[in-house]
Amino acid sequence: MKKIKVGVSSCLLGNNVRYNGQHQLDHFIRDTLGQWCEFVPVCPEVECGLPIPRESMRLVGDVNNPRLMTGKTGIDHTEKMKSWIEGKLPELEREELVAFVFKTKSPSSGMRKIKIYNEQGERISFNGIGMFARAFMERFPDIPVEDEGRLCDPGLREQFIETIFVLQRWRDAVKAGTAKAVVDFHTKHKYTFMAHSPQKLKELGKLTARAGTVKPEELVEEYRTVLHKLLKEKKDRKKNYNVILHIMGYFKNHLTAGEKDELLKEAQLYYDGISPVIVPLTLLKHYTMKYEEPYLLEQYYLNPHPVELGLLNHV
């Protein structure tokens, strides 16, 4: 797989673009995730023409349509930012980003819980969205987004990164231009999709069953719509436990009574929140390799992302 193209707030990559002339380097994003991602850095405030360093900004007025103003002098940079956004979004569309990671608390790039002030400088809300982040999410509703604060949560981090790897494989399948590529993609992600939504998995299964009767481009469009909805549904212990039990069924004629008991015990410990999912998955991968189950050998559920990321060790 080629590197996954991800937009990211420039300061998170160590670039000195913040209002105080500093950066906000996130080592996990730049140094770890960067081994598999090609980053497209974006700093709305600098790119719209503001200097480094500069007076800090704040959002003022209507929560749903605030103005971007300097905190002390009250200079209004709203129109400057809007004009830049209008030109930047088509540029980012051409980049074909798979995802975007925003900077928390930023009045331009924060995707959640941004402070809103009134004209007197009093905080009136904590539910604002940065001007650029809002415009980006409205323009590209199917592109997954997170901020570096939420990525500190192991569960959110794992699901976000799993999603971007799935979407990159999907884009590769689409570029192949055949119905067979879509069917292959679906087959290899069966248990990944089951862990998100058994119901949506059934919908996708019905679509792939029509692969030989519809035009590839029609299949792709219908499949894409359901796929994005499915990936927005969160995995949880109950769904993962259900998938683990399904996969165990492949080994019912292979395992000894003791091995079955061990696998069930580890699955239950995961379900009860005592151990991480990597424990039962490691056993399943071991038996998959040992008994050479061809269907499971191709399942991304057992290998959703590079092991070097260590994401399954904490969920």
Protein backbone atom coordinates (compact mmCIF):
# COMPACT_ATOMS: atom_id res chain seq x y z
CA MET A 1 0.00 0.00 0.00
CA LYS A 2 1.26 3.48 -0.83
CA LYS A 3 1.41 6.10 1.88
CA ILE A 4 -1.96 7.41 3.01
CA LYS A 5 -2.48 11.11 2.32
CA VAL A 6 -3.66 12.90 5.46
CA GLY A 7 -4.21 16.60 6.05
CA VAL A 8 -2.89 17.86 9.38
CA SER A 9 -2.59 21.14 11.21
CA SER A 10 0.93 22.29 10.42
CA CYS A 11 1.99 23.01 14.02
CA LEU A 12 1.42 19.34 14.94
CA LEU A 13 4.25 18.42 12.56
CA GLY A 14 6.68 20.68 14.41
CA ASN A 15 6.37 23.73 12.17
CA ASN A 16 6.74 27.07 13.98
CA VAL A 17 3.50 28.62 12.79
CA ARG A 18 1.56 29.22 16.00
CA TYR A 19 0.61 32.73 17.12
CA ASN A 20 3.57 32.78 19.54
CA GLY A 21 6.05 31.58 16.92
CA GLN A 22 6.20 28.11 18.42
CA HIS A 23 4.96 24.68 17.35
CA GLN A 24 2.86 21.97 18.97
CA LEU A 25 4.73 18.91 17.75
CA ASP A 26 2.89 15.62 18.21
CA HIS A 27 5.47 12.84 18.03
CA PHE A 28 2.92 10.09 17.48
CA ILE A 29 1.46 11.86 14.46
CA ARG A 30 4.72 12.96 12.85
CA ASP A 31 7.15 10.22 13.80
CA THR A 32 5.00 7.11 14.26
CA LEU A 33 1.95 7.54 12.04
CA GLY A 34 4.14 9.39 9.57
CA GLN A 35 5.83 6.12 8.62
CA TRP A 36 2.63 5.16 6.77
CA CYS A 37 1.16 8.57 5.95
CA GLU A 38 2.02 11.41 3.61
CA PHE A 39 1.03 14.60 5.40
CA VAL A 40 -0.41 17.73 3.81
CA PRO A 41 0.24 20.50 6.37
CA VAL A 42 -2.25 23.35 6.70
CA CYS A 43 -2.10 26.48 8.86
CA PRO A 44 -5.12 28.67 8.06
CA GLU A 45 -3.91 31.75 9.93
CA VAL A 46 -0.49 31.89 8.28
CA GLU A 47 -1.76 30.84 4.86
CA CYS A 48 -4.43 33.54 4.85
CA GLY A 49 -1.70 36.14 5.27
CA LEU A 50 -1.24 36.68 9.03
CA PRO A 51 2.32 37.01 10.38
CA ILE A 52 4.41 34.89 12.75
CA PRO A 53 4.24 35.75 15.58
CA ARG A 54 0.84 37.43 15.75
CA GLU A 55 -1.83 38.44 18.20
CA SER A 56 -3.90 35.50 19.40
CA MET A 57 -7.35 35.03 17.88
CA ARG A 58 -10.78 34.27 19.25
CA LEU A 59 -14.25 33.53 17.90
CA VAL A 60 -16.79 36.25 18.65
CA GLY A 61 -20.58 36.41 18.33
CA ASP A 62 -22.96 33.79 17.00
CA VAL A 63 -21.92 30.23 17.89
CA ASN A 64 -22.97 28.98 14.45
CA ASN A 65 -21.50 31.90 12.50
CA PRO A 66 -18.84 33.58 14.62
CA ARG A 67 -16.32 36.18 13.58
CA LEU A 68 -12.55 35.67 13.85
CA MET A 69 -11.04 38.54 15.79
CA THR A 70 -7.82 39.37 17.60
CA GLY A 71 -8.15 38.97 21.35
CA LYS A 72 -6.86 42.35 22.56
CA THR A 73 -7.15 44.84 19.71
CA GLY A 74 -10.39 43.45 18.26
CA ILE A 75 -9.21 43.44 14.63
CA ASP A 76 -11.64 41.44 12.50
CA HIS A 77 -10.00 38.88 10.19
CA THR A 78 -13.22 37.05 9.29
CA GLU A 79 -13.40 38.02 5.63
CA LYS A 80 -9.70 37.39 5.09
CA MET A 81 -10.10 33.88 6.51
CA LYS A 82 -13.29 33.19 4.52
CA SER A 83 -11.63 34.29 1.30
CA TRP A 84 -8.66 32.00 1.94
CA ILE A 85 -10.95 29.06 2.82
CA GLU A 86 -12.88 29.54 -0.42
CA GLY A 87 -9.70 29.03 -2.40
CA LYS A 88 -8.14 26.39 -0.13
CA LEU A 89 -10.96 23.83 -0.11
CA PRO A 90 -10.82 23.15 -3.89
CA GLU A 91 -7.05 22.80 -3.55
CA LEU A 92 -7.48 20.22 -0.79
CA GLU A 93 -10.09 18.40 -2.85
CA ARG A 94 -7.45 17.89 -5.54
CA GLU A 95 -5.12 16.45 -2.90
CA GLU A 96 -7.59 13.55 -2.43
CA LEU A 97 -7.08 13.43 1.32
CA VAL A 98 -8.13 10.28 3.15
CA ALA A 99 -8.41 12.02 6.55
CA PHE A 100 -7.58 15.20 8.48
CA VAL A 101 -6.13 15.78 11.96
CA PHE A 102 -6.98 19.18 13.43
CA LYS A 103 -5.41 21.22 16.24
CA THR A 104 -7.46 21.34 19.43
CA LYS A 105 -8.72 24.64 20.82
CA SER A 106 -7.79 26.59 17.69
CA PRO A 107 -10.28 29.29 16.58
CA SER A 108 -9.44 28.42 12.98
CA SER A 109 -8.70 24.67 13.10
CA GLY A 110 -10.43 23.34 16.21
CA MET A 111 -13.17 20.84 15.37
CA ARG A 112 -14.98 20.93 18.74
CA LYS A 113 -15.50 22.82 21.99
CA ILE A 114 -13.98 26.12 20.89
CA LYS A 115 -14.65 29.09 23.17
CA ILE A 116 -16.99 31.76 21.84
CA TYR A 117 -16.90 35.29 23.23
CA ASN A 118 -19.25 38.24 23.08
CA GLU A 119 -18.20 41.79 22.11
CA GLN A 120 -17.38 42.55 25.74
CA GLY A 121 -14.83 39.74 25.89
CA GLU A 122 -16.96 37.41 28.01
CA ARG A 123 -17.13 33.69 27.23
CA ILE A 124 -20.65 32.77 26.16
CA SER A 125 -20.15 29.23 24.86
CA PHE A 126 -17.72 26.32 24.73
CA ASN A 127 -19.41 24.71 21.73
CA GLY A 128 -17.81 26.56 18.85
CA ILE A 129 -16.02 25.12 15.81
CA GLY A 130 -12.98 26.71 14.18
CA MET A 131 -13.75 28.54 10.94
CA PHE A 132 -11.60 26.38 8.70
CA ALA A 133 -12.51 23.14 10.48
CA ARG A 134 -16.22 23.87 10.10
CA ALA A 135 -15.89 24.65 6.39
CA PHE A 136 -13.75 21.55 5.79
CA MET A 137 -16.18 19.20 7.54
CA GLU A 138 -19.15 20.69 5.68
CA ARG A 139 -17.39 20.38 2.32
CA PHE A 140 -16.05 16.85 2.95
CA PRO A 141 -18.54 15.09 5.26
CA ASP A 142 -17.20 11.62 4.37
CA ILE A 143 -13.57 12.37 5.20
CA PRO A 144 -12.86 11.16 8.76
CA VAL A 145 -11.49 13.86 11.06
CA GLU A 146 -9.98 13.94 14.53
CA ASP A 147 -7.87 16.27 16.62
CA GLU A 148 -4.68 15.43 18.47
CA GLY A 149 -6.48 15.68 21.81
CA ARG A 150 -9.01 12.97 20.98
CA LEU A 151 -6.26 10.82 19.49
CA CYS A 152 -4.85 10.47 23.01
CA ASP A 153 -7.80 8.17 23.72
CA PRO A 154 -6.68 4.61 22.78
CA GLY A 155 -10.10 3.57 21.47
CA LEU A 156 -10.62 6.66 19.33
CA ARG A 157 -7.06 6.45 18.05
CA GLU A 158 -7.40 2.80 16.99
CA GLN A 159 -10.74 3.31 15.25
CA PHE A 160 -9.58 6.43 13.43
CA ILE A 161 -6.41 4.78 12.13
CA GLU A 162 -8.23 1.58 11.24
CA THR A 163 -10.68 3.69 9.24
CA ILE A 164 -8.01 5.49 7.23
CA PHE A 165 -6.36 2.19 6.30
CA VAL A 166 -9.74 0.79 5.21
CA LEU A 167 -10.47 3.88 3.12
CA GLN A 168 -7.06 3.74 1.44
CA ARG A 169 -7.70 0.10 0.46
CA TRP A 170 -11.13 1.15 -0.80
CA ARG A 171 -9.64 3.85 -3.00
CA ASP A 172 -7.16 1.34 -4.38
CA ALA A 173 -10.04 -1.02 -5.16
CA VAL A 174 -11.99 1.75 -6.91
CA LYS A 175 -8.98 2.70 -9.03
CA ALA A 176 -8.85 -0.89 -10.30
CA GLY A 177 -12.13 -0.09 -12.06
CA THR A 178 -13.70 -3.54 -11.83
CA ALA A 179 -16.57 -5.08 -9.93
CA LYS A 180 -14.23 -7.91 -8.93
CA ALA A 181 -11.98 -5.46 -7.07
CA VAL A 182 -14.97 -4.25 -5.04
CA VAL A 183 -16.01 -7.82 -4.26
CA ASP A 184 -12.46 -8.70 -3.18
CA PHE A 185 -12.34 -5.62 -0.97
CA HIS A 186 -15.63 -6.58 0.63
CA THR A 187 -14.60 -10.19 1.18
CA LYS A 188 -11.37 -9.27 2.95
CA HIS A 189 -13.15 -6.80 5.26
CA LYS A 190 -16.12 -8.96 6.23
CA TYR A 191 -15.22 -9.23 9.91
CA THR A 192 -13.91 -5.67 10.09
CA PHE A 193 -17.32 -4.48 8.93
CA MET A 194 -19.16 -6.87 11.24
CA ALA A 195 -17.33 -5.28 14.18
CA HIS A 196 -18.72 -1.89 13.15
CA SER A 197 -22.25 -2.81 12.08
CA PRO A 198 -23.68 -6.26 11.30
CA GLN A 199 -26.67 -4.54 9.70
CA LYS A 200 -24.60 -2.42 7.34
CA LEU A 201 -22.48 -5.48 6.52
CA LYS A 202 -25.64 -7.19 5.26
CA GLU A 203 -26.42 -4.16 3.09
CA LEU A 204 -22.96 -4.26 1.58
CA GLY A 205 -23.29 -8.00 1.04
CA LYS A 206 -26.48 -7.49 -0.96
CA LEU A 207 -24.73 -4.88 -3.09
CA THR A 208 -21.77 -7.12 -3.90
CA ALA A 209 -24.18 -9.93 -4.78
CA ARG A 210 -25.31 -7.69 -7.67
CA ALA A 211 -21.75 -7.16 -8.91
CA GLY A 212 -22.30 -9.08 -12.12
CA THR A 213 -25.56 -7.38 -12.99
CA VAL A 214 -24.76 -3.65 -12.63
CA LYS A 215 -22.13 -1.33 -14.06
CA PRO A 216 -18.96 -1.12 -11.92
CA GLU A 217 -19.35 2.64 -11.43
CA GLU A 218 -22.93 2.15 -10.19
CA LEU A 219 -21.80 -0.53 -7.76
CA VAL A 220 -18.99 1.69 -6.50
CA GLU A 221 -21.28 4.64 -5.83
CA GLU A 222 -23.87 2.59 -3.92
CA TYR A 223 -21.21 0.70 -2.00
CA ARG A 224 -19.35 3.90 -1.07
CA THR A 225 -22.47 5.44 0.45
CA VAL A 226 -23.09 2.51 2.79
CA LEU A 227 -19.38 2.06 3.55
CA HIS A 228 -18.99 5.58 4.91
CA LYS A 229 -22.07 5.15 7.10
CA LEU A 230 -20.74 1.85 8.40
CA LEU A 231 -17.32 3.23 9.32
CA LYS A 232 -18.94 6.00 11.36
CA GLU A 233 -20.54 3.38 13.61
CA LYS A 234 -18.21 2.66 16.50
CA LYS A 235 -16.89 -0.72 17.44
CA ASP A 236 -17.30 -1.87 21.04
CA ARG A 237 -16.55 -4.91 23.18
CA LYS A 238 -19.89 -6.56 22.46
CA LYS A 239 -19.47 -6.28 18.68
CA ASN A 240 -15.84 -7.43 18.80
CA TYR A 241 -16.77 -10.36 21.05
CA ASN A 242 -19.40 -11.40 18.52
CA VAL A 243 -16.80 -11.33 15.71
CA ILE A 244 -14.34 -13.33 17.79
CA LEU A 245 -16.94 -16.04 18.34
CA HIS A 246 -17.70 -16.14 14.61
CA ILE A 247 -14.04 -16.61 13.77
CA MET A 248 -13.68 -19.31 16.42
CA GLY A 249 -16.19 -21.36 14.46
CA TYR A 250 -13.56 -21.98 11.79
CA PHE A 251 -11.55 -24.05 14.25
CA LYS A 252 -14.27 -26.20 15.82
CA ASN A 253 -12.91 -29.33 14.13
CA HIS A 254 -9.27 -28.49 14.85
CA LEU A 255 -8.93 -27.41 18.47
CA THR A 256 -8.72 -29.66 21.49
CA ALA A 257 -11.16 -29.14 24.35
CA GLY A 258 -8.41 -27.38 26.30
CA GLU A 259 -7.59 -25.04 23.43
CA LYS A 260 -11.26 -24.16 22.96
CA ASP A 261 -11.60 -23.43 26.68
CA GLU A 262 -8.53 -21.21 26.60
CA LEU A 263 -9.81 -19.26 23.60
CA LEU A 264 -13.26 -18.82 25.17
CA LYS A 265 -11.68 -17.74 28.45
CA GLU A 266 -9.55 -15.07 26.76
CA ALA A 267 -12.53 -13.86 24.74
CA GLN A 268 -14.56 -13.55 27.94
CA LEU A 269 -11.77 -11.68 29.73
CA TYR A 270 -11.75 -9.21 26.84
CA TYR A 271 -15.54 -8.88 26.92
CA ASP A 272 -15.40 -8.21 30.67
CA GLY A 273 -12.88 -5.41 30.14
CA ILE A 274 -10.04 -7.22 31.92
CA SER A 275 -7.70 -7.76 28.97
CA PRO A 276 -7.21 -5.97 25.62
CA VAL A 277 -8.49 -7.32 22.33
CA ILE A 278 -4.96 -8.19 21.21
CA VAL A 279 -5.00 -11.27 23.48
CA PRO A 280 -7.83 -13.25 21.82
CA LEU A 281 -6.81 -11.90 18.40
CA THR A 282 -3.28 -13.24 18.87
CA LEU A 283 -4.67 -16.70 19.56
CA LEU A 284 -6.95 -16.48 16.52
CA LYS A 285 -4.05 -15.43 14.31
CA HIS A 286 -1.97 -18.29 15.67
CA TYR A 287 -4.63 -20.87 14.79
CA THR A 288 -5.28 -19.20 11.44
CA MET A 289 -1.63 -19.66 10.49
CA LYS A 290 -1.35 -23.13 12.03
CA TYR A 291 -4.36 -24.55 10.20
CA GLU A 292 -3.97 -22.33 7.13
CA GLU A 293 -7.57 -21.19 6.97
CA PRO A 294 -7.54 -19.44 3.56
CA TYR A 295 -10.53 -17.16 4.21
CA LEU A 296 -9.15 -15.93 7.53
CA LEU A 297 -5.65 -15.46 6.17
CA GLU A 298 -7.01 -12.60 4.05
CA GLN A 299 -9.15 -10.98 6.76
CA TYR A 300 -7.99 -7.51 7.69
CA TYR A 301 -9.81 -7.82 11.00
CA LEU A 302 -6.90 -9.89 12.27
CA ASN A 303 -4.35 -7.41 10.89
CA PRO A 304 -6.12 -4.03 10.59
CA HIS A 305 -3.00 -1.86 10.67
CA PRO A 306 0.78 -2.24 11.13
CA VAL A 307 1.66 -4.02 14.39
CA GLU A 308 4.36 -1.38 14.99
CA LEU A 309 1.59 1.07 15.88
CA GLY A 310 0.61 -1.11 18.86
CA LEU A 311 -2.96 0.12 18.70
CA LEU A 312 -4.69 -3.12 19.73
CA ASN A 313 -2.66 -3.39 22.93
CA HIS A 314 -4.82 -0.80 24.71
CA VAL A 315 -8.39 -1.40 23.51
